[in-house]
Amino acid sequence: MNVSFEEIGRLAVTFGSEGCQAGQVCKVSANGKVAPCADGDKLCGIVEHVRGSHAAVQVAGFAEVSITGAVGVGYVNLCANGNGGVKAGAGREYLVVSVDEHAQTCVIKL
């Protein structure tokens, strides 16, 4: 039996987008706008898709995100890695429920 966290508690919000791409983590950059995270930034969510000058950003629920370096399961401090994903670092604490080291992804609760 496979376990899936997909769509549990998911909440997406539309923001103005300043250079975001689908699948990358982002930060609030101005009133009602998001931008890609730089290395070490705290993230506000994960960009689901971009249409024109707007982005749908998942800000709650479980989501898969790319990782760099070693990330374990449990409560882990994560920050942006500067490449659209996350890494262990001085960011916020997130619940990591699974890690795929081969694919370099993890599932976190935003």
PDB file of N, CA and C in Angstrom:
ATOM      1  N   MET A   1       0.846  -1.183   0.000  1.00  0.00           N
ATOM      2  CA  MET A   1       0.000   0.000   0.000  1.00  0.00           C
ATOM      3  C   MET A   1       0.886   1.239   0.000  1.00  0.00           C
ATOM      4  N   ASN A   2       0.628   2.172  -0.905  1.00  0.00           N
ATOM      5  CA  ASN A   2       1.352   3.432  -0.948  1.00  0.00           C
ATOM      6  C   ASN A   2       0.646   4.479  -0.098  1.00  0.00           C
ATOM      7  N   VAL A   3       1.420   5.384   0.452  1.00  0.00           N
ATOM      8  CA  VAL A   3       0.885   6.480   1.252  1.00  0.00           C
ATOM      9  C   VAL A   3       0.977   7.749   0.425  1.00  0.00           C
ATOM     10  N   SER A   4      -0.103   8.528   0.401  1.00  0.00           N
ATOM     11  CA  SER A   4      -0.110   9.777  -0.350  1.00  0.00           C
ATOM     12  C   SER A   4      -0.549  10.923   0.545  1.00  0.00           C
ATOM     13  N   PHE A   5       0.186  12.022   0.480  1.00  0.00           N
ATOM     14  CA  PHE A   5      -0.157  13.218   1.237  1.00  0.00           C
ATOM     15  C   PHE A   5      -0.741  14.285   0.313  1.00  0.00           C
ATOM     16  N   GLU A   6      -0.903  13.946  -0.968  1.00  0.00           N
ATOM     17  CA  GLU A   6      -1.355  14.884  -1.979  1.00  0.00           C
ATOM     18  C   GLU A   6      -2.705  15.500  -1.623  1.00  0.00           C
ATOM     19  N   GLU A   7      -2.786  16.818  -1.729  1.00  0.00           N
ATOM     20  CA  GLU A   7      -4.015  17.600  -1.545  1.00  0.00           C
ATOM     21  C   GLU A   7      -4.492  17.719  -0.096  1.00  0.00           C
ATOM     22  N   ILE A   8      -3.823  17.127   0.870  1.00  0.00           N
ATOM     23  CA  ILE A   8      -4.274  17.222   2.254  1.00  0.00           C
ATOM     24  C   ILE A   8      -4.019  18.639   2.755  1.00  0.00           C
ATOM     25  N   GLY A   9      -5.086  19.347   3.131  1.00  0.00           N
ATOM     26  CA  GLY A   9      -4.971  20.687   3.688  1.00  0.00           C
ATOM     27  C   GLY A   9      -4.463  21.736   2.720  1.00  0.00           C
ATOM     28  N   ARG A  10      -4.491  21.456   1.435  1.00  0.00           N
ATOM     29  CA  ARG A  10      -3.944  22.356   0.421  1.00  0.00           C
ATOM     30  C   ARG A  10      -4.717  23.658   0.364  1.00  0.00           C
ATOM     31  N   LEU A  11      -3.975  24.759   0.338  1.00  0.00           N
ATOM     32  CA  LEU A  11      -4.545  26.081   0.163  1.00  0.00           C
ATOM     33  C   LEU A  11      -3.639  26.853  -0.785  1.00  0.00           C
ATOM     34  N   ALA A  12      -4.206  27.332  -1.879  1.00  0.00           N
ATOM     35  CA  ALA A  12      -3.440  28.116  -2.853  1.00  0.00           C
ATOM     36  C   ALA A  12      -4.009  29.526  -2.906  1.00  0.00           C
ATOM     37  N   VAL A  13      -3.122  30.486  -3.093  1.00  0.00           N
ATOM     38  CA  VAL A  13      -3.479  31.896  -3.134  1.00  0.00           C
ATOM     39  C   VAL A  13      -2.887  32.498  -4.408  1.00  0.00           C
ATOM     40  N   THR A  14      -3.609  33.432  -5.032  1.00  0.00           N
ATOM     41  CA  THR A  14      -3.097  34.115  -6.215  1.00  0.00           C
ATOM     42  C   THR A  14      -2.371  35.386  -5.800  1.00  0.00           C
ATOM     43  N   PHE A  15      -1.148  35.526  -6.308  1.00  0.00           N
ATOM     44  CA  PHE A  15      -0.318  36.709  -6.062  1.00  0.00           C
ATOM     45  C   PHE A  15       0.096  37.299  -7.396  1.00  0.00           C
ATOM     46  N   GLY A  16       0.535  38.548  -7.378  1.00  0.00           N
ATOM     47  CA  GLY A  16       1.264  39.087  -8.511  1.00  0.00           C
ATOM     48  C   GLY A  16       2.614  38.393  -8.519  1.00  0.00           C
ATOM     49  N   SER A  17       3.153  38.116  -9.706  1.00  0.00           N
ATOM     50  CA  SER A  17       4.402  37.367  -9.801  1.00  0.00           C
ATOM     51  C   SER A  17       5.516  38.240 -10.348  1.00  0.00           C
ATOM     52  N   GLU A  18       6.659  38.171  -9.710  1.00  0.00           N
ATOM     53  CA  GLU A  18       7.843  38.888 -10.156  1.00  0.00           C
ATOM     54  C   GLU A  18       8.917  37.874 -10.529  1.00  0.00           C
ATOM     55  N   GLY A  19       8.753  37.211 -11.684  1.00  0.00           N
ATOM     56  CA  GLY A  19       9.756  36.278 -12.180  1.00  0.00           C
ATOM     57  C   GLY A  19       9.673  34.866 -11.646  1.00  0.00           C
ATOM     58  N   CYS A  20       8.539  34.462 -11.095  1.00  0.00           N
ATOM     59  CA  CYS A  20       8.403  33.104 -10.545  1.00  0.00           C
ATOM     60  C   CYS A  20       8.178  32.080 -11.652  1.00  0.00           C
ATOM     61  N   GLN A  21       8.550  30.837 -11.334  1.00  0.00           N
ATOM     62  CA  GLN A  21       8.312  29.711 -12.220  1.00  0.00           C
ATOM     63  C   GLN A  21       7.629  28.602 -11.430  1.00  0.00           C
ATOM     64  N   ALA A  22       6.787  27.842 -12.105  1.00  0.00           N
ATOM     65  CA  ALA A  22       6.083  26.737 -11.465  1.00  0.00           C
ATOM     66  C   ALA A  22       7.067  25.758 -10.846  1.00  0.00           C
ATOM     67  N   GLY A  23       6.740  25.288  -9.653  1.00  0.00           N
ATOM     68  CA  GLY A  23       7.543  24.285  -8.967  1.00  0.00           C
ATOM     69  C   GLY A  23       8.597  24.838  -8.040  1.00  0.00           C
ATOM     70  N   GLN A  24       8.848  26.146  -8.078  1.00  0.00           N
ATOM     71  CA  GLN A  24       9.889  26.706  -7.216  1.00  0.00           C
ATOM     72  C   GLN A  24       9.288  27.343  -5.962  1.00  0.00           C
ATOM     73  N   VAL A  25      10.091  27.415  -4.918  1.00  0.00           N
ATOM     74  CA  VAL A  25       9.655  28.094  -3.708  1.00  0.00           C
ATOM     75  C   VAL A  25       9.745  29.597  -3.935  1.00  0.00           C
ATOM     76  N   CYS A  26       8.919  30.338  -3.212  1.00  0.00           N
ATOM     77  CA  CYS A  26       8.901  31.788  -3.395  1.00  0.00           C
ATOM     78  C   CYS A  26       8.742  32.491  -2.057  1.00  0.00           C
ATOM     79  N   LYS A  27       8.947  33.818  -2.102  1.00  0.00           N
ATOM     80  CA  LYS A  27       8.814  34.667  -0.914  1.00  0.00           C
ATOM     81  C   LYS A  27       7.922  35.845  -1.269  1.00  0.00           C
ATOM     82  N   VAL A  28       7.317  36.460  -0.266  1.00  0.00           N
ATOM     83  CA  VAL A  28       6.557  37.683  -0.482  1.00  0.00           C
ATOM     84  C   VAL A  28       7.572  38.789  -0.702  1.00  0.00           C
ATOM     85  N   SER A  29       7.429  39.510  -1.810  1.00  0.00           N
ATOM     86  CA  SER A  29       8.411  40.526  -2.179  1.00  0.00           C
ATOM     87  C   SER A  29       7.878  41.951  -2.059  1.00  0.00           C
ATOM     88  N   ALA A  30       6.569  42.119  -2.131  1.00  0.00           N
ATOM     89  CA  ALA A  30       5.920  43.427  -2.027  1.00  0.00           C
ATOM     90  C   ALA A  30       4.449  43.162  -1.711  1.00  0.00           C
ATOM     91  N   ASN A  31       3.669  44.190  -1.565  1.00  0.00           N
ATOM     92  CA  ASN A  31       2.241  44.014  -1.286  1.00  0.00           C
ATOM     93  C   ASN A  31       1.590  43.151  -2.352  1.00  0.00           C
ATOM     94  N   GLY A  32       1.139  41.960  -1.953  1.00  0.00           N
ATOM     95  CA  GLY A  32       0.433  41.076  -2.870  1.00  0.00           C
ATOM     96  C   GLY A  32       1.271  40.481  -3.972  1.00  0.00           C
ATOM     97  N   LYS A  33       2.601  40.508  -3.836  1.00  0.00           N
ATOM     98  CA  LYS A  33       3.482  39.969  -4.880  1.00  0.00           C
ATOM     99  C   LYS A  33       4.472  38.966  -4.302  1.00  0.00           C
ATOM    100  N   VAL A  34       4.858  38.006  -5.143  1.00  0.00           N
ATOM    101  CA  VAL A  34       5.879  37.033  -4.764  1.00  0.00           C
ATOM    102  C   VAL A  34       7.000  37.054  -5.784  1.00  0.00           C
ATOM    103  N   ALA A  35       8.178  36.611  -5.334  1.00  0.00           N
ATOM    104  CA  ALA A  35       9.363  36.516  -6.182  1.00  0.00           C
ATOM    105  C   ALA A  35      10.112  35.242  -5.810  1.00  0.00           C
ATOM    106  N   PRO A  36      10.992  34.765  -6.700  1.00  0.00           N
ATOM    107  CA  PRO A  36      11.792  33.588  -6.364  1.00  0.00           C
ATOM    108  C   PRO A  36      12.652  33.847  -5.123  1.00  0.00           C
ATOM    109  N   CYS A  37      12.868  32.813  -4.343  1.00  0.00           N
ATOM    110  CA  CYS A  37      13.720  32.914  -3.159  1.00  0.00           C
ATOM    111  C   CYS A  37      15.192  32.863  -3.557  1.00  0.00           C
ATOM    112  N   ALA A  38      15.994  33.643  -2.873  1.00  0.00           N
ATOM    113  CA  ALA A  38      17.449  33.555  -2.986  1.00  0.00           C
ATOM    114  C   ALA A  38      17.936  32.536  -1.957  1.00  0.00           C
ATOM    115  N   ASP A  39      19.175  32.136  -2.055  1.00  0.00           N
ATOM    116  CA  ASP A  39      19.765  31.180  -1.115  1.00  0.00           C
ATOM    117  C   ASP A  39      19.630  31.697   0.311  1.00  0.00           C
ATOM    118  N   GLY A  40      19.051  30.885   1.196  1.00  0.00           N
ATOM    119  CA  GLY A  40      18.905  31.223   2.602  1.00  0.00           C
ATOM    120  C   GLY A  40      17.620  31.936   2.967  1.00  0.00           C
ATOM    121  N   ASP A  41      16.819  32.354   1.976  1.00  0.00           N
ATOM    122  CA  ASP A  41      15.552  33.033   2.264  1.00  0.00           C
ATOM    123  C   ASP A  41      14.557  32.096   2.932  1.00  0.00           C
ATOM    124  N   LYS A  42      13.665  32.687   3.720  1.00  0.00           N
ATOM    125  CA  LYS A  42      12.516  31.956   4.240  1.00  0.00           C
ATOM    126  C   LYS A  42      11.437  31.983   3.166  1.00  0.00           C
ATOM    127  N   LEU A  43      10.776  30.850   2.967  1.00  0.00           N
ATOM    128  CA  LEU A  43       9.784  30.754   1.900  1.00  0.00           C
ATOM    129  C   LEU A  43       8.377  30.965   2.425  1.00  0.00           C
ATOM    130  N   CYS A  44       7.499  31.443   1.529  1.00  0.00           N
ATOM    131  CA  CYS A  44       6.084  31.570   1.899  1.00  0.00           C
ATOM    132  C   CYS A  44       5.258  30.457   1.276  1.00  0.00           C
ATOM    133  N   GLY A  45       5.785  29.800   0.240  1.00  0.00           N
ATOM    134  CA  GLY A  45       5.039  28.733  -0.402  1.00  0.00           C
ATOM    135  C   GLY A  45       5.727  28.241  -1.660  1.00  0.00           C
ATOM    136  N   ILE A  46       4.974  27.458  -2.413  1.00  0.00           N
ATOM    137  CA  ILE A  46       5.491  26.836  -3.633  1.00  0.00           C
ATOM    138  C   ILE A  46       4.603  27.262  -4.800  1.00  0.00           C
ATOM    139  N   VAL A  47       5.211  27.776  -5.850  1.00  0.00           N
ATOM    140  CA  VAL A  47       4.471  28.244  -7.022  1.00  0.00           C
ATOM    141  C   VAL A  47       3.879  27.028  -7.751  1.00  0.00           C
ATOM    142  N   GLU A  48       2.561  27.019  -7.903  1.00  0.00           N
ATOM    143  CA  GLU A  48       1.902  25.930  -8.624  1.00  0.00           C
ATOM    144  C   GLU A  48       1.878  26.187 -10.123  1.00  0.00           C
ATOM    145  N   HIS A  49       1.521  27.382 -10.508  1.00  0.00           N
ATOM    146  CA  HIS A  49       1.571  27.756 -11.915  1.00  0.00           C
ATOM    147  C   HIS A  49       1.560  29.273 -12.043  1.00  0.00           C
ATOM    148  N   VAL A  50       2.017  29.735 -13.206  1.00  0.00           N
ATOM    149  CA  VAL A  50       2.082  31.166 -13.494  1.00  0.00           C
ATOM    150  C   VAL A  50       1.273  31.423 -14.756  1.00  0.00           C
ATOM    151  N   ARG A  51       0.462  32.448 -14.706  1.00  0.00           N
ATOM    152  CA  ARG A  51      -0.308  32.856 -15.887  1.00  0.00           C
ATOM    153  C   ARG A  51      -0.190  34.374 -16.003  1.00  0.00           C
ATOM    154  N   GLY A  52       0.481  34.799 -17.043  1.00  0.00           N
ATOM    155  CA  GLY A  52       0.691  36.230 -17.227  1.00  0.00           C
ATOM    156  C   GLY A  52       1.541  36.786 -16.088  1.00  0.00           C
ATOM    157  N   SER A  53       1.011  37.791 -15.417  1.00  0.00           N
ATOM    158  CA  SER A  53       1.753  38.421 -14.317  1.00  0.00           C
ATOM    159  C   SER A  53       1.287  37.939 -12.949  1.00  0.00           C
ATOM    160  N   HIS A  54       0.605  36.794 -12.901  1.00  0.00           N
ATOM    161  CA  HIS A  54       0.102  36.257 -11.634  1.00  0.00           C
ATOM    162  C   HIS A  54       0.568  34.819 -11.417  1.00  0.00           C
ATOM    163  N   ALA A  55       0.664  34.452 -10.147  1.00  0.00           N
ATOM    164  CA  ALA A  55       1.075  33.096  -9.782  1.00  0.00           C
ATOM    165  C   ALA A  55       0.130  32.533  -8.729  1.00  0.00           C
ATOM    166  N   ALA A  56      -0.227  31.257  -8.890  1.00  0.00           N
ATOM    167  CA  ALA A  56      -0.950  30.526  -7.848  1.00  0.00           C
ATOM    168  C   ALA A  56       0.112  29.902  -6.951  1.00  0.00           C
ATOM    169  N   VAL A  57       0.057  30.205  -5.667  1.00  0.00           N
ATOM    170  CA  VAL A  57       1.072  29.751  -4.716  1.00  0.00           C
ATOM    171  C   VAL A  57       0.420  28.909  -3.632  1.00  0.00           C
ATOM    172  N   GLN A  58       0.910  27.683  -3.452  1.00  0.00           N
ATOM    173  CA  GLN A  58       0.428  26.850  -2.364  1.00  0.00           C
ATOM    174  C   GLN A  58       1.082  27.339  -1.082  1.00  0.00           C
ATOM    175  N   VAL A  59       0.242  27.767  -0.118  1.00  0.00           N
ATOM    176  CA  VAL A  59       0.747  28.310   1.142  1.00  0.00           C
ATOM    177  C   VAL A  59       0.424  27.426   2.351  1.00  0.00           C
ATOM    178  N   ALA A  60      -0.346  26.358   2.141  1.00  0.00           N
ATOM    179  CA  ALA A  60      -0.676  25.437   3.239  1.00  0.00           C
ATOM    180  C   ALA A  60      -0.884  24.044   2.672  1.00  0.00           C
ATOM    181  N   GLY A  61      -0.733  23.054   3.548  1.00  0.00           N
ATOM    182  CA  GLY A  61      -0.918  21.667   3.155  1.00  0.00           C
ATOM    183  C   GLY A  61       0.403  20.986   2.883  1.00  0.00           C
ATOM    184  N   PHE A  62       0.330  19.762   2.379  1.00  0.00           N
ATOM    185  CA  PHE A  62       1.518  18.974   2.071  1.00  0.00           C
ATOM    186  C   PHE A  62       1.928  19.203   0.622  1.00  0.00           C
ATOM    187  N   ALA A  63       3.234  19.352   0.387  1.00  0.00           N
ATOM    188  CA  ALA A  63       3.732  19.600  -0.959  1.00  0.00           C
ATOM    189  C   ALA A  63       5.103  18.963  -1.133  1.00  0.00           C
ATOM    190  N   GLU A  64       5.369  18.538  -2.361  1.00  0.00           N
ATOM    191  CA  GLU A  64       6.688  18.002  -2.703  1.00  0.00           C
ATOM    192  C   GLU A  64       7.562  19.141  -3.195  1.00  0.00           C
ATOM    193  N   VAL A  65       8.799  19.160  -2.740  1.00  0.00           N
ATOM    194  CA  VAL A  65       9.732  20.219  -3.115  1.00  0.00           C
ATOM    195  C   VAL A  65      11.112  19.610  -3.334  1.00  0.00           C
ATOM    196  N   SER A  66      11.884  20.203  -4.229  1.00  0.00           N
ATOM    197  CA  SER A  66      13.241  19.696  -4.469  1.00  0.00           C
ATOM    198  C   SER A  66      14.156  20.111  -3.307  1.00  0.00           C
ATOM    199  N   ILE A  67      15.193  19.310  -3.088  1.00  0.00           N
ATOM    200  CA  ILE A  67      16.122  19.575  -1.991  1.00  0.00           C
ATOM    201  C   ILE A  67      17.559  19.519  -2.487  1.00  0.00           C
ATOM    202  N   THR A  68      18.424  20.176  -1.750  1.00  0.00           N
ATOM    203  CA  THR A  68      19.868  20.006  -1.910  1.00  0.00           C
ATOM    204  C   THR A  68      20.426  19.650  -0.543  1.00  0.00           C
ATOM    205  N   GLY A  69      21.426  18.799  -0.542  1.00  0.00           N
ATOM    206  CA  GLY A  69      22.025  18.379   0.718  1.00  0.00           C
ATOM    207  C   GLY A  69      21.154  17.371   1.445  1.00  0.00           C
ATOM    208  N   ALA A  70      21.560  17.076   2.659  1.00  0.00           N
ATOM    209  CA  ALA A  70      20.861  16.089   3.480  1.00  0.00           C
ATOM    210  C   ALA A  70      19.692  16.737   4.211  1.00  0.00           C
ATOM    211  N   VAL A  71      18.517  16.147   4.036  1.00  0.00           N
ATOM    212  CA  VAL A  71      17.314  16.567   4.759  1.00  0.00           C
ATOM    213  C   VAL A  71      16.715  15.311   5.353  1.00  0.00           C
ATOM    214  N   GLY A  72      16.438  15.321   6.645  1.00  0.00           N
ATOM    215  CA  GLY A  72      15.848  14.163   7.304  1.00  0.00           C
ATOM    216  C   GLY A  72      14.358  14.335   7.491  1.00  0.00           C
ATOM    217  N   VAL A  73      13.710  13.288   7.981  1.00  0.00           N
ATOM    218  CA  VAL A  73      12.284  13.365   8.287  1.00  0.00           C
ATOM    219  C   VAL A  73      12.097  13.890   9.702  1.00  0.00           C
ATOM    220  N   GLY A  74      10.878  14.337   9.984  1.00  0.00           N
ATOM    221  CA  GLY A  74      10.573  14.938  11.275  1.00  0.00           C
ATOM    222  C   GLY A  74      10.531  16.453  11.128  1.00  0.00           C
ATOM    223  N   TYR A  75      10.647  17.145  12.243  1.00  0.00           N
ATOM    224  CA  TYR A  75      10.640  18.611  12.205  1.00  0.00           C
ATOM    225  C   TYR A  75      12.048  19.100  11.899  1.00  0.00           C
ATOM    226  N   VAL A  76      12.171  19.819  10.775  1.00  0.00           N
ATOM    227  CA  VAL A  76      13.474  20.244  10.259  1.00  0.00           C
ATOM    228  C   VAL A  76      13.409  21.727   9.910  1.00  0.00           C
ATOM    229  N   ASN A  77      14.438  22.479  10.268  1.00  0.00           N
ATOM    230  CA  ASN A  77      14.535  23.871   9.841  1.00  0.00           C
ATOM    231  C   ASN A  77      14.977  23.894   8.388  1.00  0.00           C
ATOM    232  N   LEU A  78      14.150  24.505   7.528  1.00  0.00           N
ATOM    233  CA  LEU A  78      14.427  24.570   6.100  1.00  0.00           C
ATOM    234  C   LEU A  78      14.433  26.020   5.627  1.00  0.00           C
ATOM    235  N   CYS A  79      15.282  26.293   4.658  1.00  0.00           N
ATOM    236  CA  CYS A  79      15.304  27.585   3.979  1.00  0.00           C
ATOM    237  C   CYS A  79      15.493  27.329   2.495  1.00  0.00           C
ATOM    238  N   ALA A  80      15.357  28.371   1.688  1.00  0.00           N
ATOM    239  CA  ALA A  80      15.520  28.237   0.242  1.00  0.00           C
ATOM    240  C   ALA A  80      16.970  27.915  -0.101  1.00  0.00           C
ATOM    241  N   ASN A  81      17.150  27.145  -1.182  1.00  0.00           N
ATOM    242  CA  ASN A  81      18.505  26.799  -1.618  1.00  0.00           C
ATOM    243  C   ASN A  81      19.004  27.672  -2.775  1.00  0.00           C
ATOM    244  N   GLY A  82      18.176  28.612  -3.220  1.00  0.00           N
ATOM    245  CA  GLY A  82      18.570  29.497  -4.310  1.00  0.00           C
ATOM    246  C   GLY A  82      18.366  28.919  -5.692  1.00  0.00           C
ATOM    247  N   ASN A  83      17.903  27.659  -5.756  1.00  0.00           N
ATOM    248  CA  ASN A  83      17.661  26.990  -7.042  1.00  0.00           C
ATOM    249  C   ASN A  83      16.211  26.539  -7.180  1.00  0.00           C
ATOM    250  N   GLY A  84      15.314  27.150  -6.418  1.00  0.00           N
ATOM    251  CA  GLY A  84      13.898  26.807  -6.495  1.00  0.00           C
ATOM    252  C   GLY A  84      13.443  25.771  -5.494  1.00  0.00           C
ATOM    253  N   GLY A  85      14.378  25.225  -4.716  1.00  0.00           N
ATOM    254  CA  GLY A  85      14.040  24.215  -3.720  1.00  0.00           C
ATOM    255  C   GLY A  85      14.441  24.656  -2.331  1.00  0.00           C
ATOM    256  N   VAL A  86      14.637  23.666  -1.451  1.00  0.00           N
ATOM    257  CA  VAL A  86      14.981  23.952  -0.063  1.00  0.00           C
ATOM    258  C   VAL A  86      16.212  23.168   0.367  1.00  0.00           C
ATOM    259  N   LYS A  87      16.752  23.553   1.507  1.00  0.00           N
ATOM    260  CA  LYS A  87      17.867  22.854   2.141  1.00  0.00           C
ATOM    261  C   LYS A  87      17.712  23.012   3.642  1.00  0.00           C
ATOM    262  N   ALA A  88      18.377  22.162   4.398  1.00  0.00           N
ATOM    263  CA  ALA A  88      18.401  22.333   5.846  1.00  0.00           C
ATOM    264  C   ALA A  88      19.181  23.613   6.132  1.00  0.00           C
ATOM    265  N   GLY A  89      18.658  24.430   7.028  1.00  0.00           N
ATOM    266  CA  GLY A  89      19.318  25.700   7.318  1.00  0.00           C
ATOM    267  C   GLY A  89      18.543  26.501   8.331  1.00  0.00           C
ATOM    268  N   ALA A  90      18.860  27.767   8.402  1.00  0.00           N
ATOM    269  CA  ALA A  90      18.319  28.650   9.434  1.00  0.00           C
ATOM    270  C   ALA A  90      16.965  29.238   9.065  1.00  0.00           C
ATOM    271  N   GLY A  91      16.122  28.472   8.419  1.00  0.00           N
ATOM    272  CA  GLY A  91      14.790  28.951   8.059  1.00  0.00           C
ATOM    273  C   GLY A  91      13.771  28.590   9.119  1.00  0.00           C
ATOM    274  N   ARG A  92      12.541  28.416   8.693  1.00  0.00           N
ATOM    275  CA  ARG A  92      11.440  27.998   9.563  1.00  0.00           C
ATOM    276  C   ARG A  92      11.455  26.492   9.754  1.00  0.00           C
ATOM    277  N   GLU A  93      10.779  26.050  10.795  1.00  0.00           N
ATOM    278  CA  GLU A  93      10.654  24.618  11.045  1.00  0.00           C
ATOM    279  C   GLU A  93       9.451  24.069  10.274  1.00  0.00           C
ATOM    280  N   TYR A  94       9.684  22.993   9.512  1.00  0.00           N
ATOM    281  CA  TYR A  94       8.636  22.317   8.742  1.00  0.00           C
ATOM    282  C   TYR A  94       8.619  20.844   9.116  1.00  0.00           C
ATOM    283  N   LEU A  95       7.448  20.232   9.007  1.00  0.00           N
ATOM    284  CA  LEU A  95       7.331  18.792   9.183  1.00  0.00           C
ATOM    285  C   LEU A  95       7.651  18.136   7.850  1.00  0.00           C
ATOM    286  N   VAL A  96       8.731  17.349   7.814  1.00  0.00           N
ATOM    287  CA  VAL A  96       9.122  16.596   6.622  1.00  0.00           C
ATOM    288  C   VAL A  96       8.619  15.169   6.832  1.00  0.00           C
ATOM    289  N   VAL A  97       7.705  14.718   5.948  1.00  0.00           N
ATOM    290  CA  VAL A  97       7.096  13.395   6.133  1.00  0.00           C
ATOM    291  C   VAL A  97       7.708  12.318   5.257  1.00  0.00           C
ATOM    292  N   SER A  98       8.443  12.711   4.210  1.00  0.00           N
ATOM    293  CA  SER A  98       9.160  11.723   3.399  1.00  0.00           C
ATOM    294  C   SER A  98      10.279  12.417   2.632  1.00  0.00           C
ATOM    295  N   VAL A  99      11.337  11.642   2.378  1.00  0.00           N
ATOM    296  CA  VAL A  99      12.487  12.134   1.623  1.00  0.00           C
ATOM    297  C   VAL A  99      12.834  11.085   0.575  1.00  0.00           C
ATOM    298  N   ASP A 100      13.022  11.526  -0.658  1.00  0.00           N
ATOM    299  CA  ASP A 100      13.482  10.648  -1.731  1.00  0.00           C
ATOM    300  C   ASP A 100      14.873  11.149  -2.125  1.00  0.00           C
ATOM    301  N   GLU A 101      15.898  10.522  -1.562  1.00  0.00           N
ATOM    302  CA  GLU A 101      17.270  10.963  -1.807  1.00  0.00           C
ATOM    303  C   GLU A 101      17.669  10.803  -3.268  1.00  0.00           C
ATOM    304  N   HIS A 102      17.166   9.760  -3.912  1.00  0.00           N
ATOM    305  CA  HIS A 102      17.496   9.533  -5.321  1.00  0.00           C
ATOM    306  C   HIS A 102      16.952  10.657  -6.207  1.00  0.00           C
ATOM    307  N   ALA A 103      15.679  11.034  -5.986  1.00  0.00           N
ATOM    308  CA  ALA A 103      15.038  12.098  -6.775  1.00  0.00           C
ATOM    309  C   ALA A 103      15.364  13.492  -6.246  1.00  0.00           C
ATOM    310  N   GLN A 104      16.015  13.565  -5.077  1.00  0.00           N
ATOM    311  CA  GLN A 104      16.334  14.837  -4.424  1.00  0.00           C
ATOM    312  C   GLN A 104      15.076  15.670  -4.188  1.00  0.00           C
ATOM    313  N   THR A 105      14.057  15.024  -3.577  1.00  0.00           N
ATOM    314  CA  THR A 105      12.805  15.698  -3.215  1.00  0.00           C
ATOM    315  C   THR A 105      12.402  15.292  -1.813  1.00  0.00           C
ATOM    316  N   CYS A 106      11.542  16.092  -1.232  1.00  0.00           N
ATOM    317  CA  CYS A 106      10.921  15.726   0.040  1.00  0.00           C
ATOM    318  C   CYS A 106       9.496  16.256   0.039  1.00  0.00           C
ATOM    319  N   VAL A 107       8.684  15.704   0.934  1.00  0.00           N
ATOM    320  CA  VAL A 107       7.306  16.179   1.119  1.00  0.00           C
ATOM    321  C   VAL A 107       7.263  16.873   2.463  1.00  0.00           C
ATOM    322  N   ILE A 108       6.819  18.150   2.434  1.00  0.00           N
ATOM    323  CA  ILE A 108       6.750  18.953   3.651  1.00  0.00           C
ATOM    324  C   ILE A 108       5.328  19.436   3.894  1.00  0.00           C
ATOM    325  N   LYS A 109       5.047  19.747   5.135  1.00  0.00           N
ATOM    326  CA  LYS A 109       3.783  20.392   5.484  1.00  0.00           C
ATOM    327  C   LYS A 109       4.064  21.875   5.609  1.00  0.00           C
ATOM    328  N   LEU A 110       3.471  22.654   4.706  1.00  0.00           N
ATOM    329  CA  LEU A 110       3.655  24.110   4.727  1.00  0.00           C
ATOM    330  C   LEU A 110       2.904  24.723   5.897  1.00  0.00           C
TER     331      LEU A 110
END
